[in-house]
Amino acid sequence: MLRKRSITLAGHATSLALEADFWRELDAAAEAEGAPLARLIARIDEERAQNDPEAPLSSACRVWVLRRVQSRGQA
């Protein structure tokens, strides 16, 4: 089930809908970095804009989480 959350990116309010598992991983990553969740998502958004500007932000977040989880499994 999707959970929608509102965040501010580059001064603009936006909402992002992700499954709870993805939100948990994003929250944990932001906490591990000692940064607000919005800052982490802004960084993901910047990478998305550089690499695949047509991709939805929600997809970019899911791919980011997938790569994070995969990298933990290889460590």
C-alpha atoms as a PDB file:
ATOM      1  CA  MET A   1       0.000   0.000   0.000  1.00  0.00           C
ATOM      2  CA  LEU A   2       1.319   3.430  -0.912  1.00  0.00           C
ATOM      3  CA  ARG A   3       1.933   6.075   1.729  1.00  0.00           C
ATOM      4  CA  LYS A   4       1.957   9.654   0.571  1.00  0.00           C
ATOM      5  CA  ARG A   5       4.183  12.188   2.319  1.00  0.00           C
ATOM      6  CA  SER A   6       4.709  15.862   1.635  1.00  0.00           C
ATOM      7  CA  ILE A   7       8.206  17.276   1.353  1.00  0.00           C
ATOM      8  CA  THR A   8       9.749  20.530   0.180  1.00  0.00           C
ATOM      9  CA  LEU A   9      12.273  20.352  -2.656  1.00  0.00           C
ATOM     10  CA  ALA A  10      14.011  23.478  -3.901  1.00  0.00           C
ATOM     11  CA  GLY A  11      11.430  25.600  -2.104  1.00  0.00           C
ATOM     12  CA  HIS A  12       8.459  23.802  -3.664  1.00  0.00           C
ATOM     13  CA  ALA A  13       6.071  21.553  -1.780  1.00  0.00           C
ATOM     14  CA  THR A  14       5.564  18.194  -3.415  1.00  0.00           C
ATOM     15  CA  SER A  15       4.101  14.883  -2.394  1.00  0.00           C
ATOM     16  CA  LEU A  16       5.733  11.538  -2.870  1.00  0.00           C
ATOM     17  CA  ALA A  17       3.926   8.200  -2.696  1.00  0.00           C
ATOM     18  CA  LEU A  18       5.971   5.122  -1.792  1.00  0.00           C
ATOM     19  CA  GLU A  19       5.379   1.820  -0.091  1.00  0.00           C
ATOM     20  CA  ALA A  20       6.062   1.734   3.658  1.00  0.00           C
ATOM     21  CA  ASP A  21       9.185  -0.418   3.189  1.00  0.00           C
ATOM     22  CA  PHE A  22      10.755   2.240   0.978  1.00  0.00           C
ATOM     23  CA  TRP A  23       9.895   4.990   3.479  1.00  0.00           C
ATOM     24  CA  ARG A  24      11.529   2.970   6.263  1.00  0.00           C
ATOM     25  CA  GLU A  25      14.746   2.598   4.270  1.00  0.00           C
ATOM     26  CA  LEU A  26      14.795   6.287   3.319  1.00  0.00           C
ATOM     27  CA  ASP A  27      14.160   7.349   6.926  1.00  0.00           C
ATOM     28  CA  ALA A  28      16.941   5.033   8.140  1.00  0.00           C
ATOM     29  CA  ALA A  29      19.357   6.358   5.510  1.00  0.00           C
ATOM     30  CA  ALA A  30      18.614   9.973   6.420  1.00  0.00           C
ATOM     31  CA  GLU A  31      19.066   9.193  10.108  1.00  0.00           C
ATOM     32  CA  ALA A  32      22.360   7.394   9.418  1.00  0.00           C
ATOM     33  CA  GLU A  33      23.589  10.464   7.549  1.00  0.00           C
ATOM     34  CA  GLY A  34      22.372  12.780  10.295  1.00  0.00           C
ATOM     35  CA  ALA A  35      20.404  14.715   7.703  1.00  0.00           C
ATOM     36  CA  PRO A  36      16.748  15.558   7.244  1.00  0.00           C
ATOM     37  CA  LEU A  37      14.786  13.234   4.968  1.00  0.00           C
ATOM     38  CA  ALA A  38      14.063  16.155   2.630  1.00  0.00           C
ATOM     39  CA  ARG A  39      17.794  16.682   2.098  1.00  0.00           C
ATOM     40  CA  LEU A  40      18.293  13.034   1.150  1.00  0.00           C
ATOM     41  CA  ILE A  41      15.363  13.101  -1.265  1.00  0.00           C
ATOM     42  CA  ALA A  42      16.660  16.365  -2.749  1.00  0.00           C
ATOM     43  CA  ARG A  43      19.981  14.635  -3.426  1.00  0.00           C
ATOM     44  CA  ILE A  44      18.174  11.700  -5.059  1.00  0.00           C
ATOM     45  CA  ASP A  45      16.200  14.210  -7.133  1.00  0.00           C
ATOM     46  CA  GLU A  46      19.390  15.957  -8.268  1.00  0.00           C
ATOM     47  CA  GLU A  47      20.918  12.627  -9.340  1.00  0.00           C
ATOM     48  CA  ARG A  48      17.684  11.780 -11.171  1.00  0.00           C
ATOM     49  CA  ALA A  49      17.720  15.119 -12.983  1.00  0.00           C
ATOM     50  CA  GLN A  50      21.290  14.500 -14.156  1.00  0.00           C
ATOM     51  CA  ASN A  51      20.894  10.857 -15.137  1.00  0.00           C
ATOM     52  CA  ASP A  52      17.281  10.390 -16.215  1.00  0.00           C
ATOM     53  CA  PRO A  53      15.194  13.572 -15.988  1.00  0.00           C
ATOM     54  CA  GLU A  54      12.138  11.808 -17.428  1.00  0.00           C
ATOM     55  CA  ALA A  55      12.032   9.275 -14.578  1.00  0.00           C
ATOM     56  CA  PRO A  56       9.501   9.973 -11.838  1.00  0.00           C
ATOM     57  CA  LEU A  57      10.959  10.919  -8.465  1.00  0.00           C
ATOM     58  CA  SER A  58       9.194   7.977  -6.826  1.00  0.00           C
ATOM     59  CA  SER A  59      10.968   5.581  -9.187  1.00  0.00           C
ATOM     60  CA  ALA A  60      14.303   7.260  -8.542  1.00  0.00           C
ATOM     61  CA  CYS A  61      13.765   6.813  -4.794  1.00  0.00           C
ATOM     62  CA  ARG A  62      12.916   3.148  -5.207  1.00  0.00           C
ATOM     63  CA  VAL A  63      16.022   2.546  -7.335  1.00  0.00           C
ATOM     64  CA  TRP A  64      18.172   4.435  -4.807  1.00  0.00           C
ATOM     65  CA  VAL A  65      16.830   2.273  -1.977  1.00  0.00           C
ATOM     66  CA  LEU A  66      17.337  -0.900  -4.018  1.00  0.00           C
ATOM     67  CA  ARG A  67      20.968   0.001  -4.676  1.00  0.00           C
ATOM     68  CA  ARG A  68      21.509   0.822  -1.004  1.00  0.00           C
ATOM     69  CA  VAL A  69      20.091  -2.515   0.092  1.00  0.00           C
ATOM     70  CA  GLN A  70      22.107  -4.376  -2.550  1.00  0.00           C
ATOM     71  CA  SER A  71      25.324  -2.666  -1.478  1.00  0.00           C
ATOM     72  CA  ARG A  72      24.720  -3.693   2.143  1.00  0.00           C
ATOM     73  CA  GLY A  73      24.324  -7.282   1.003  1.00  0.00           C
ATOM     74  CA  GLN A  74      27.694  -7.177  -0.755  1.00  0.00           C
ATOM     75  CA  ALA A  75      29.599  -5.710   2.188  1.00  0.00           C
END
